[in-house]
N, C-alpha and C. Protein backbone atom coordinates (compact mmCIF):
# COMPACT_ATOMS: atom_id res chain seq x y z
N MET A 1 40.39 -9.91 0.05
CA MET A 1 41.12 -10.62 1.08
C MET A 1 41.59 -9.59 2.11
N LEU A 2 41.01 -9.60 3.29
CA LEU A 2 41.48 -8.70 4.33
C LEU A 2 42.61 -9.34 5.11
N ALA A 3 42.46 -10.58 5.49
CA ALA A 3 43.53 -11.32 6.15
C ALA A 3 43.27 -12.80 5.91
N CYS A 4 44.34 -13.53 5.73
CA CYS A 4 44.25 -14.96 5.45
C CYS A 4 45.20 -15.67 6.40
N PRO A 5 44.71 -16.51 7.30
CA PRO A 5 45.61 -17.22 8.21
C PRO A 5 46.51 -18.19 7.45
N LEU A 6 47.77 -18.26 7.86
CA LEU A 6 48.75 -19.16 7.25
C LEU A 6 49.14 -20.29 8.18
N ALA A 7 49.24 -19.99 9.46
CA ALA A 7 49.63 -20.94 10.50
C ALA A 7 49.36 -20.25 11.84
N ASP A 8 49.62 -20.94 12.92
CA ASP A 8 49.44 -20.32 14.24
C ASP A 8 50.27 -19.05 14.32
N GLY A 9 49.61 -17.94 14.56
CA GLY A 9 50.30 -16.67 14.72
C GLY A 9 50.77 -16.04 13.43
N ALA A 10 50.42 -16.60 12.27
CA ALA A 10 50.89 -16.06 10.98
C ALA A 10 49.71 -15.77 10.08
N GLU A 11 49.79 -14.63 9.39
CA GLU A 11 48.74 -14.28 8.44
C GLU A 11 49.28 -13.50 7.26
N LEU A 12 48.55 -13.60 6.18
CA LEU A 12 48.83 -12.87 4.94
C LEU A 12 47.77 -11.80 4.82
N ARG A 13 48.21 -10.55 4.59
CA ARG A 13 47.24 -9.47 4.39
C ARG A 13 47.88 -8.38 3.55
N PRO A 14 47.05 -7.49 2.98
CA PRO A 14 47.61 -6.43 2.14
C PRO A 14 48.66 -5.60 2.89
N LEU A 15 49.67 -5.21 2.15
CA LEU A 15 50.73 -4.33 2.66
C LEU A 15 50.50 -2.99 1.98
N GLU A 16 50.13 -1.99 2.75
CA GLU A 16 49.64 -0.73 2.20
C GLU A 16 50.53 0.45 2.57
N PRO A 17 50.40 1.58 1.84
CA PRO A 17 51.25 2.74 2.09
C PRO A 17 51.26 3.23 3.53
N TRP A 18 50.14 3.11 4.23
CA TRP A 18 50.11 3.58 5.62
C TRP A 18 51.03 2.74 6.53
N GLN A 19 51.53 1.60 6.03
CA GLN A 19 52.43 0.75 6.79
C GLN A 19 53.90 0.98 6.39
N ALA A 20 54.17 2.11 5.78
CA ALA A 20 55.52 2.40 5.27
C ALA A 20 56.59 2.35 6.35
N ALA A 21 56.32 2.87 7.52
CA ALA A 21 57.34 2.86 8.58
C ALA A 21 57.70 1.43 8.97
N GLU A 22 56.70 0.57 9.09
CA GLU A 22 56.95 -0.83 9.44
C GLU A 22 57.72 -1.54 8.33
N PHE A 23 57.36 -1.27 7.07
CA PHE A 23 58.03 -1.88 5.93
C PHE A 23 59.48 -1.39 5.84
N ALA A 24 59.70 -0.10 6.07
CA ALA A 24 61.07 0.45 6.04
C ALA A 24 61.92 -0.17 7.14
N ALA A 25 61.36 -0.30 8.33
CA ALA A 25 62.11 -0.90 9.45
C ALA A 25 62.42 -2.36 9.16
N TYR A 26 61.45 -3.09 8.60
CA TYR A 26 61.67 -4.49 8.23
C TYR A 26 62.81 -4.60 7.22
N THR A 27 62.73 -3.77 6.18
CA THR A 27 63.75 -3.81 5.12
C THR A 27 65.12 -3.47 5.69
N ASP A 28 65.18 -2.50 6.57
CA ASP A 28 66.46 -2.11 7.17
C ASP A 28 67.05 -3.26 8.00
N ARG A 29 66.20 -3.95 8.76
CA ARG A 29 66.67 -5.07 9.59
C ARG A 29 67.18 -6.24 8.75
N HIS A 30 66.57 -6.43 7.58
CA HIS A 30 66.87 -7.63 6.78
C HIS A 30 67.53 -7.33 5.44
N ARG A 31 68.03 -6.12 5.30
CA ARG A 31 68.59 -5.69 4.01
C ARG A 31 69.65 -6.66 3.47
N ALA A 32 70.57 -7.08 4.30
CA ALA A 32 71.65 -7.97 3.83
C ALA A 32 71.08 -9.26 3.26
N HIS A 33 70.06 -9.79 3.89
CA HIS A 33 69.42 -11.02 3.42
C HIS A 33 68.61 -10.76 2.15
N LEU A 34 67.83 -9.70 2.13
CA LEU A 34 66.94 -9.40 1.00
C LEU A 34 67.71 -9.02 -0.26
N ARG A 35 68.79 -8.31 -0.10
CA ARG A 35 69.50 -7.76 -1.27
C ARG A 35 70.20 -8.83 -2.09
N GLU A 36 70.29 -10.04 -1.57
CA GLU A 36 70.90 -11.12 -2.35
C GLU A 36 70.09 -11.41 -3.61
N TRP A 37 68.75 -11.23 -3.54
CA TRP A 37 67.90 -11.58 -4.68
C TRP A 37 66.98 -10.45 -5.13
N LEU A 38 66.78 -9.42 -4.31
CA LEU A 38 65.72 -8.43 -4.58
C LEU A 38 66.26 -7.02 -4.82
N PRO A 39 66.13 -6.50 -6.02
CA PRO A 39 66.63 -5.16 -6.31
C PRO A 39 66.03 -4.07 -5.42
N TRP A 40 64.77 -4.21 -5.01
CA TRP A 40 64.14 -3.16 -4.22
C TRP A 40 64.74 -3.04 -2.82
N ALA A 41 65.49 -4.03 -2.37
CA ALA A 41 66.06 -3.96 -1.02
C ALA A 41 67.00 -2.77 -0.85
N ASP A 42 67.61 -2.32 -1.92
CA ASP A 42 68.48 -1.14 -1.86
C ASP A 42 67.73 0.15 -2.13
N LEU A 43 66.50 0.05 -2.62
CA LEU A 43 65.71 1.25 -2.94
C LEU A 43 64.87 1.70 -1.76
N VAL A 44 64.47 0.78 -0.91
CA VAL A 44 63.65 1.10 0.26
C VAL A 44 64.62 1.38 1.41
N THR A 45 64.89 2.66 1.63
CA THR A 45 65.92 3.04 2.59
C THR A 45 65.39 3.83 3.79
N ASP A 46 64.16 4.31 3.68
CA ASP A 46 63.57 5.09 4.76
C ASP A 46 62.05 5.06 4.58
N GLU A 47 61.33 5.73 5.46
CA GLU A 47 59.88 5.70 5.40
C GLU A 47 59.35 6.29 4.10
N GLY A 48 59.97 7.34 3.61
CA GLY A 48 59.51 7.97 2.37
C GLY A 48 59.66 7.05 1.17
N SER A 49 60.80 6.40 1.04
CA SER A 49 60.98 5.49 -0.10
C SER A 49 60.11 4.25 0.05
N ALA A 50 59.88 3.81 1.28
CA ALA A 50 58.98 2.68 1.52
C ALA A 50 57.55 3.05 1.13
N ARG A 51 57.14 4.26 1.48
CA ARG A 51 55.79 4.72 1.13
C ARG A 51 55.65 4.81 -0.39
N ALA A 52 56.65 5.32 -1.07
CA ALA A 52 56.59 5.42 -2.54
C ALA A 52 56.51 4.02 -3.17
N PHE A 53 57.29 3.09 -2.66
CA PHE A 53 57.26 1.71 -3.17
C PHE A 53 55.88 1.10 -2.98
N LEU A 54 55.34 1.21 -1.76
CA LEU A 54 54.02 0.65 -1.48
C LEU A 54 52.92 1.38 -2.24
N GLN A 55 53.09 2.68 -2.44
CA GLN A 55 52.08 3.44 -3.19
C GLN A 55 52.03 2.98 -4.65
N ARG A 56 53.19 2.66 -5.22
CA ARG A 56 53.20 2.14 -6.60
C ARG A 56 52.34 0.88 -6.70
N TYR A 57 52.44 0.01 -5.68
CA TYR A 57 51.61 -1.20 -5.70
C TYR A 57 50.15 -0.88 -5.42
N ALA A 58 49.87 0.11 -4.57
CA ALA A 58 48.48 0.52 -4.35
C ALA A 58 47.88 1.04 -5.66
N ASP A 59 48.66 1.82 -6.40
CA ASP A 59 48.20 2.32 -7.70
C ASP A 59 48.01 1.18 -8.69
N ARG A 60 48.92 0.24 -8.66
CA ARG A 60 48.81 -0.91 -9.56
C ARG A 60 47.59 -1.75 -9.20
N GLN A 61 47.33 -1.91 -7.91
CA GLN A 61 46.14 -2.66 -7.51
C GLN A 61 44.88 -1.95 -7.98
N ALA A 62 44.85 -0.63 -7.86
CA ALA A 62 43.68 0.13 -8.33
C ALA A 62 43.48 -0.03 -9.83
N ALA A 63 44.58 -0.23 -10.56
CA ALA A 63 44.51 -0.43 -12.01
C ALA A 63 44.37 -1.92 -12.37
N ASP A 64 44.25 -2.78 -11.35
CA ASP A 64 44.15 -4.23 -11.54
C ASP A 64 45.36 -4.78 -12.27
N ASP A 65 46.54 -4.31 -11.84
CA ASP A 65 47.79 -4.59 -12.54
C ASP A 65 48.87 -5.20 -11.63
N GLY A 66 48.60 -5.34 -10.35
CA GLY A 66 49.58 -5.89 -9.41
C GLY A 66 49.06 -5.73 -8.00
N ARG A 67 49.65 -6.46 -7.07
CA ARG A 67 49.24 -6.39 -5.67
C ARG A 67 50.42 -6.78 -4.79
N ILE A 68 50.43 -6.27 -3.57
CA ILE A 68 51.48 -6.63 -2.62
C ILE A 68 50.83 -6.98 -1.28
N TYR A 69 51.38 -8.01 -0.65
CA TYR A 69 50.87 -8.49 0.64
C TYR A 69 52.05 -8.65 1.59
N GLY A 70 51.75 -8.52 2.87
CA GLY A 70 52.74 -8.80 3.89
C GLY A 70 52.41 -10.11 4.58
N ILE A 71 53.43 -10.72 5.13
CA ILE A 71 53.26 -11.89 5.99
C ILE A 71 53.65 -11.45 7.39
N TRP A 72 52.70 -11.53 8.30
CA TRP A 72 52.96 -11.17 9.69
C TRP A 72 53.04 -12.43 10.52
N LEU A 73 54.04 -12.49 11.35
CA LEU A 73 54.24 -13.61 12.26
C LEU A 73 54.26 -13.07 13.68
N ASP A 74 53.34 -13.50 14.49
CA ASP A 74 53.19 -13.01 15.86
C ASP A 74 53.15 -11.48 15.90
N GLY A 75 52.42 -10.90 14.96
CA GLY A 75 52.20 -9.46 14.93
C GLY A 75 53.31 -8.64 14.30
N GLU A 76 54.40 -9.27 13.86
CA GLU A 76 55.50 -8.54 13.23
C GLU A 76 55.63 -8.91 11.76
N LEU A 77 55.91 -7.92 10.94
CA LEU A 77 56.13 -8.16 9.53
C LEU A 77 57.34 -9.09 9.38
N ALA A 78 57.13 -10.21 8.68
CA ALA A 78 58.19 -11.22 8.53
C ALA A 78 58.54 -11.49 7.08
N GLY A 79 57.75 -10.94 6.15
CA GLY A 79 58.00 -11.19 4.74
C GLY A 79 56.86 -10.67 3.91
N GLY A 80 56.81 -11.13 2.67
CA GLY A 80 55.74 -10.67 1.82
C GLY A 80 55.65 -11.43 0.52
N THR A 81 54.59 -11.14 -0.19
CA THR A 81 54.34 -11.73 -1.49
C THR A 81 53.84 -10.62 -2.40
N VAL A 82 53.95 -10.87 -3.69
CA VAL A 82 53.54 -9.85 -4.64
C VAL A 82 53.06 -10.51 -5.92
N PHE A 83 52.02 -9.95 -6.49
CA PHE A 83 51.70 -10.25 -7.88
C PHE A 83 52.52 -9.24 -8.66
N ARG A 84 53.71 -9.63 -9.04
CA ARG A 84 54.63 -8.74 -9.76
C ARG A 84 54.06 -8.39 -11.13
N VAL A 85 53.43 -9.35 -11.75
CA VAL A 85 52.70 -9.16 -13.00
C VAL A 85 51.29 -9.67 -12.75
N PHE A 86 50.31 -8.91 -13.18
CA PHE A 86 48.91 -9.32 -13.03
C PHE A 86 48.17 -8.78 -14.24
N ASP A 87 47.86 -9.66 -15.18
CA ASP A 87 47.26 -9.25 -16.45
C ASP A 87 45.97 -10.04 -16.70
N PRO A 88 44.84 -9.52 -16.21
CA PRO A 88 43.57 -10.23 -16.39
C PRO A 88 43.19 -10.43 -17.86
N GLN A 89 43.57 -9.51 -18.72
CA GLN A 89 43.22 -9.66 -20.14
C GLN A 89 43.86 -10.89 -20.76
N SER A 90 45.13 -11.11 -20.45
CA SER A 90 45.81 -12.28 -21.01
C SER A 90 45.61 -13.52 -20.14
N GLY A 91 45.10 -13.31 -18.92
CA GLY A 91 44.90 -14.43 -18.01
C GLY A 91 46.18 -14.96 -17.41
N SER A 92 47.16 -14.08 -17.23
CA SER A 92 48.47 -14.51 -16.74
C SER A 92 48.95 -13.59 -15.61
N CYS A 93 49.61 -14.19 -14.64
CA CYS A 93 50.19 -13.41 -13.55
C CYS A 93 51.49 -14.07 -13.10
N GLU A 94 52.27 -13.30 -12.35
CA GLU A 94 53.53 -13.81 -11.80
C GLU A 94 53.59 -13.45 -10.33
N ILE A 95 54.00 -14.41 -9.52
CA ILE A 95 54.10 -14.22 -8.07
C ILE A 95 55.56 -14.15 -7.66
N GLY A 96 55.87 -13.25 -6.74
CA GLY A 96 57.19 -13.15 -6.13
C GLY A 96 57.05 -13.14 -4.62
N VAL A 97 58.13 -13.46 -3.91
CA VAL A 97 58.07 -13.59 -2.45
C VAL A 97 59.38 -13.16 -1.79
N TRP A 98 59.33 -12.94 -0.50
CA TRP A 98 60.51 -12.76 0.34
C TRP A 98 60.13 -13.09 1.78
N LEU A 99 61.12 -13.50 2.56
CA LEU A 99 60.85 -13.89 3.94
C LEU A 99 62.13 -13.72 4.76
N SER A 100 61.99 -13.23 5.98
CA SER A 100 63.15 -13.06 6.85
C SER A 100 63.67 -14.44 7.28
N PRO A 101 64.97 -14.54 7.53
CA PRO A 101 65.56 -15.85 7.87
C PRO A 101 64.91 -16.54 9.07
N GLU A 102 64.55 -15.78 10.08
CA GLU A 102 63.99 -16.41 11.28
C GLU A 102 62.58 -16.98 11.06
N ALA A 103 61.93 -16.59 9.98
CA ALA A 103 60.58 -17.10 9.69
C ALA A 103 60.61 -18.27 8.70
N GLN A 104 61.78 -18.57 8.17
CA GLN A 104 61.89 -19.63 7.17
C GLN A 104 61.72 -21.01 7.80
N GLY A 105 61.35 -21.97 6.96
CA GLY A 105 61.23 -23.35 7.40
C GLY A 105 59.91 -23.68 8.05
N ARG A 106 58.93 -22.79 7.98
CA ARG A 106 57.62 -23.02 8.60
C ARG A 106 56.51 -23.23 7.57
N GLY A 107 56.88 -23.18 6.29
CA GLY A 107 55.88 -23.35 5.24
C GLY A 107 55.05 -22.11 4.95
N LEU A 108 55.46 -20.97 5.48
CA LEU A 108 54.67 -19.75 5.31
C LEU A 108 54.58 -19.31 3.85
N ILE A 109 55.70 -19.35 3.15
CA ILE A 109 55.69 -18.93 1.74
C ILE A 109 54.85 -19.89 0.91
N THR A 110 55.04 -21.17 1.09
CA THR A 110 54.27 -22.16 0.32
C THR A 110 52.78 -21.98 0.57
N THR A 111 52.39 -21.81 1.82
CA THR A 111 50.98 -21.64 2.15
C THR A 111 50.44 -20.33 1.59
N ALA A 112 51.20 -19.25 1.73
CA ALA A 112 50.75 -17.95 1.21
C ALA A 112 50.57 -18.00 -0.30
N VAL A 113 51.53 -18.57 -0.99
CA VAL A 113 51.44 -18.64 -2.45
C VAL A 113 50.32 -19.57 -2.88
N ARG A 114 50.09 -20.62 -2.15
CA ARG A 114 48.95 -21.50 -2.45
C ARG A 114 47.64 -20.70 -2.42
N HIS A 115 47.48 -19.85 -1.41
CA HIS A 115 46.28 -18.99 -1.33
C HIS A 115 46.22 -18.02 -2.52
N MET A 116 47.37 -17.46 -2.87
CA MET A 116 47.39 -16.50 -3.98
C MET A 116 47.04 -17.17 -5.31
N ILE A 117 47.59 -18.36 -5.54
CA ILE A 117 47.28 -19.07 -6.79
C ILE A 117 45.80 -19.43 -6.81
N ASP A 118 45.30 -19.91 -5.69
CA ASP A 118 43.89 -20.30 -5.64
C ASP A 118 42.99 -19.11 -5.94
N TRP A 119 43.30 -17.96 -5.36
CA TRP A 119 42.51 -16.75 -5.62
C TRP A 119 42.64 -16.33 -7.09
N ALA A 120 43.85 -16.34 -7.60
CA ALA A 120 44.08 -15.91 -8.99
C ALA A 120 43.32 -16.80 -9.97
N VAL A 121 43.34 -18.10 -9.74
CA VAL A 121 42.69 -19.04 -10.65
C VAL A 121 41.18 -19.08 -10.43
N ARG A 122 40.76 -19.29 -9.20
CA ARG A 122 39.34 -19.53 -8.92
C ARG A 122 38.50 -18.26 -8.89
N VAL A 123 39.06 -17.17 -8.39
CA VAL A 123 38.28 -15.93 -8.28
C VAL A 123 38.49 -15.04 -9.49
N ARG A 124 39.74 -14.86 -9.90
CA ARG A 124 40.04 -13.92 -10.98
C ARG A 124 40.12 -14.57 -12.36
N GLY A 125 40.08 -15.88 -12.42
CA GLY A 125 40.06 -16.56 -13.71
C GLY A 125 41.38 -16.58 -14.46
N MET A 126 42.48 -16.47 -13.73
CA MET A 126 43.79 -16.55 -14.39
C MET A 126 43.98 -17.96 -14.95
N ARG A 127 44.57 -18.02 -16.13
CA ARG A 127 44.81 -19.31 -16.79
C ARG A 127 46.23 -19.80 -16.55
N ARG A 128 47.14 -18.88 -16.23
CA ARG A 128 48.55 -19.23 -16.04
C ARG A 128 49.12 -18.40 -14.91
N VAL A 129 49.77 -19.08 -13.96
CA VAL A 129 50.45 -18.40 -12.86
C VAL A 129 51.92 -18.76 -12.98
N GLU A 130 52.77 -17.73 -13.02
CA GLU A 130 54.21 -17.94 -13.18
C GLU A 130 54.95 -17.66 -11.88
N TRP A 131 56.12 -18.26 -11.82
CA TRP A 131 57.08 -18.08 -10.73
C TRP A 131 58.44 -17.98 -11.41
N ARG A 132 59.18 -16.94 -11.15
CA ARG A 132 60.52 -16.79 -11.73
C ARG A 132 61.52 -16.63 -10.61
N ASN A 133 62.67 -17.26 -10.79
CA ASN A 133 63.73 -17.12 -9.80
C ASN A 133 65.09 -17.29 -10.47
N ALA A 134 66.09 -16.67 -9.84
CA ALA A 134 67.46 -16.91 -10.29
C ALA A 134 67.74 -18.39 -10.15
N ARG A 135 68.41 -18.96 -11.14
CA ARG A 135 68.60 -20.41 -11.15
C ARG A 135 69.34 -20.91 -9.91
N ASP A 136 70.24 -20.10 -9.35
CA ASP A 136 70.96 -20.55 -8.17
C ASP A 136 70.20 -20.30 -6.86
N ASN A 137 68.98 -19.80 -6.93
CA ASN A 137 68.15 -19.64 -5.74
C ASN A 137 67.34 -20.93 -5.55
N THR A 138 67.99 -21.92 -4.97
CA THR A 138 67.39 -23.25 -4.86
C THR A 138 66.20 -23.28 -3.91
N ARG A 139 66.18 -22.42 -2.91
CA ARG A 139 65.02 -22.37 -2.00
C ARG A 139 63.77 -21.95 -2.76
N SER A 140 63.94 -21.01 -3.67
CA SER A 140 62.81 -20.54 -4.46
C SER A 140 62.32 -21.62 -5.42
N SER A 141 63.25 -22.31 -6.06
CA SER A 141 62.88 -23.43 -6.94
C SER A 141 62.12 -24.50 -6.17
N ALA A 142 62.53 -24.76 -4.94
CA ALA A 142 61.87 -25.78 -4.13
C ALA A 142 60.42 -25.41 -3.83
N VAL A 143 60.14 -24.12 -3.62
CA VAL A 143 58.76 -23.69 -3.38
C VAL A 143 57.92 -23.97 -4.62
N ALA A 144 58.43 -23.60 -5.79
CA ALA A 144 57.69 -23.85 -7.03
C ALA A 144 57.39 -25.34 -7.18
N GLN A 145 58.34 -26.17 -6.88
CA GLN A 145 58.13 -27.62 -6.98
C GLN A 145 57.07 -28.10 -5.99
N ARG A 146 57.14 -27.60 -4.75
CA ARG A 146 56.15 -28.00 -3.74
C ARG A 146 54.74 -27.61 -4.15
N LEU A 147 54.62 -26.53 -4.90
CA LEU A 147 53.31 -26.05 -5.35
C LEU A 147 52.82 -26.78 -6.60
N GLY A 148 53.61 -27.70 -7.09
CA GLY A 148 53.19 -28.46 -8.26
C GLY A 148 53.41 -27.74 -9.58
N MET A 149 54.24 -26.71 -9.55
CA MET A 149 54.53 -25.99 -10.78
C MET A 149 55.50 -26.80 -11.63
N ARG A 150 55.45 -26.56 -12.92
CA ARG A 150 56.37 -27.19 -13.86
C ARG A 150 57.42 -26.17 -14.29
N ARG A 151 58.62 -26.66 -14.44
CA ARG A 151 59.70 -25.78 -14.92
C ARG A 151 59.58 -25.69 -16.44
N ASP A 152 59.27 -24.47 -16.90
CA ASP A 152 59.10 -24.23 -18.34
C ASP A 152 60.44 -24.11 -19.05
N GLY A 153 61.43 -23.60 -18.34
CA GLY A 153 62.73 -23.45 -18.96
C GLY A 153 63.58 -22.43 -18.22
N VAL A 154 64.69 -22.08 -18.86
CA VAL A 154 65.64 -21.14 -18.28
C VAL A 154 65.92 -20.05 -19.31
N LEU A 155 65.81 -18.81 -18.87
CA LEU A 155 66.23 -17.67 -19.69
C LEU A 155 67.69 -17.40 -19.31
N ARG A 156 68.58 -17.78 -20.18
CA ARG A 156 70.00 -17.68 -19.87
C ARG A 156 70.46 -16.23 -19.83
N GLU A 157 71.20 -15.90 -18.79
CA GLU A 157 71.78 -14.57 -18.58
C GLU A 157 70.76 -13.46 -18.83
N ASN A 158 69.55 -13.67 -18.32
CA ASN A 158 68.43 -12.76 -18.57
C ASN A 158 68.33 -11.62 -17.58
N PHE A 159 68.81 -11.80 -16.37
CA PHE A 159 68.58 -10.84 -15.29
C PHE A 159 69.90 -10.20 -14.89
N LEU A 160 70.04 -8.91 -15.23
CA LEU A 160 71.23 -8.16 -14.83
C LEU A 160 71.00 -7.64 -13.42
N PHE A 161 71.84 -8.09 -12.48
CA PHE A 161 71.68 -7.72 -11.08
C PHE A 161 73.05 -7.61 -10.45
N ARG A 162 73.33 -6.43 -9.92
CA ARG A 162 74.60 -6.14 -9.27
C ARG A 162 75.79 -6.40 -10.18
N GLY A 163 75.62 -6.04 -11.46
CA GLY A 163 76.71 -6.13 -12.41
C GLY A 163 76.94 -7.51 -13.00
N HIS A 164 76.12 -8.47 -12.63
CA HIS A 164 76.25 -9.83 -13.16
C HIS A 164 74.94 -10.25 -13.83
N ARG A 165 75.07 -11.05 -14.86
CA ARG A 165 73.89 -11.61 -15.53
C ARG A 165 73.58 -12.97 -14.93
N HIS A 166 72.32 -13.15 -14.55
CA HIS A 166 71.88 -14.38 -13.91
C HIS A 166 70.89 -15.11 -14.82
N ASP A 167 70.97 -16.43 -14.79
CA ASP A 167 69.97 -17.24 -15.47
C ASP A 167 68.69 -17.20 -14.64
N VAL A 168 67.55 -17.16 -15.32
CA VAL A 168 66.25 -17.12 -14.64
C VAL A 168 65.44 -18.36 -15.01
N GLU A 169 65.03 -19.09 -13.99
CA GLU A 169 64.12 -20.21 -14.21
C GLU A 169 62.69 -19.68 -14.27
N ILE A 170 61.90 -20.26 -15.16
CA ILE A 170 60.48 -19.93 -15.25
C ILE A 170 59.70 -21.20 -14.91
N TRP A 171 58.84 -21.07 -13.93
CA TRP A 171 57.95 -22.14 -13.50
C TRP A 171 56.52 -21.67 -13.75
N SER A 172 55.61 -22.60 -13.95
CA SER A 172 54.22 -22.20 -14.10
C SER A 172 53.28 -23.32 -13.69
N VAL A 173 52.06 -22.92 -13.41
CA VAL A 173 50.96 -23.84 -13.23
C VAL A 173 49.79 -23.27 -14.02
N LEU A 174 49.10 -24.11 -14.74
CA LEU A 174 47.94 -23.71 -15.53
C LEU A 174 46.67 -23.95 -14.73
N ASP A 175 45.63 -23.22 -15.07
CA ASP A 175 44.40 -23.30 -14.29
C ASP A 175 43.86 -24.72 -14.18
N HIS A 176 43.84 -25.49 -15.26
CA HIS A 176 43.29 -26.84 -15.20
C HIS A 176 44.19 -27.77 -14.37
N GLU A 177 45.49 -27.50 -14.34
CA GLU A 177 46.39 -28.28 -13.48
C GLU A 177 46.12 -27.96 -12.01
N TRP A 178 45.92 -26.67 -11.73
CA TRP A 178 45.68 -26.25 -10.35
C TRP A 178 44.37 -26.80 -9.82
N ARG A 179 43.34 -26.74 -10.64
CA ARG A 179 42.02 -27.22 -10.21
C ARG A 179 42.01 -28.71 -9.93
N SER A 180 42.88 -29.45 -10.61
CA SER A 180 42.90 -30.89 -10.39
C SER A 180 43.85 -31.21 -9.24
């Protein structure tokens, strides 16, 4: 996948180490918004840390273990998606996302994730695609529902973040459900 159109002026494409300056600037502009749910928002503080973060995903992609993509809107980085877990042997993967406030409400995340699930199931043969979110992140839950995922359950107080334990919802779609 070199680039995948999402809507007028919006596309999904790989986010690579050579784009570290753009990713660092994006993170800096949206840190307050991102840090509500994403631990990496405090780790990506400059071009060097952005490059290291993106390089970890480049290495993971080379090992067929994870991938990261950016969402560009009118030529500017507006968000991203990630195969946080990608395990071809077990046939299971997990998708994560983020989006700047000004890009929300356009269906970009839903469309991007739809492409990712389709690729994971139809091209890579994944049998299960997961989505995890903090239970109080209702926007994230709504995306999973729009994609036809089923809520498998809640891992109570599973995610330690900023000194508090959060419940984590687990959503999934199976390959035969997706194909139908």
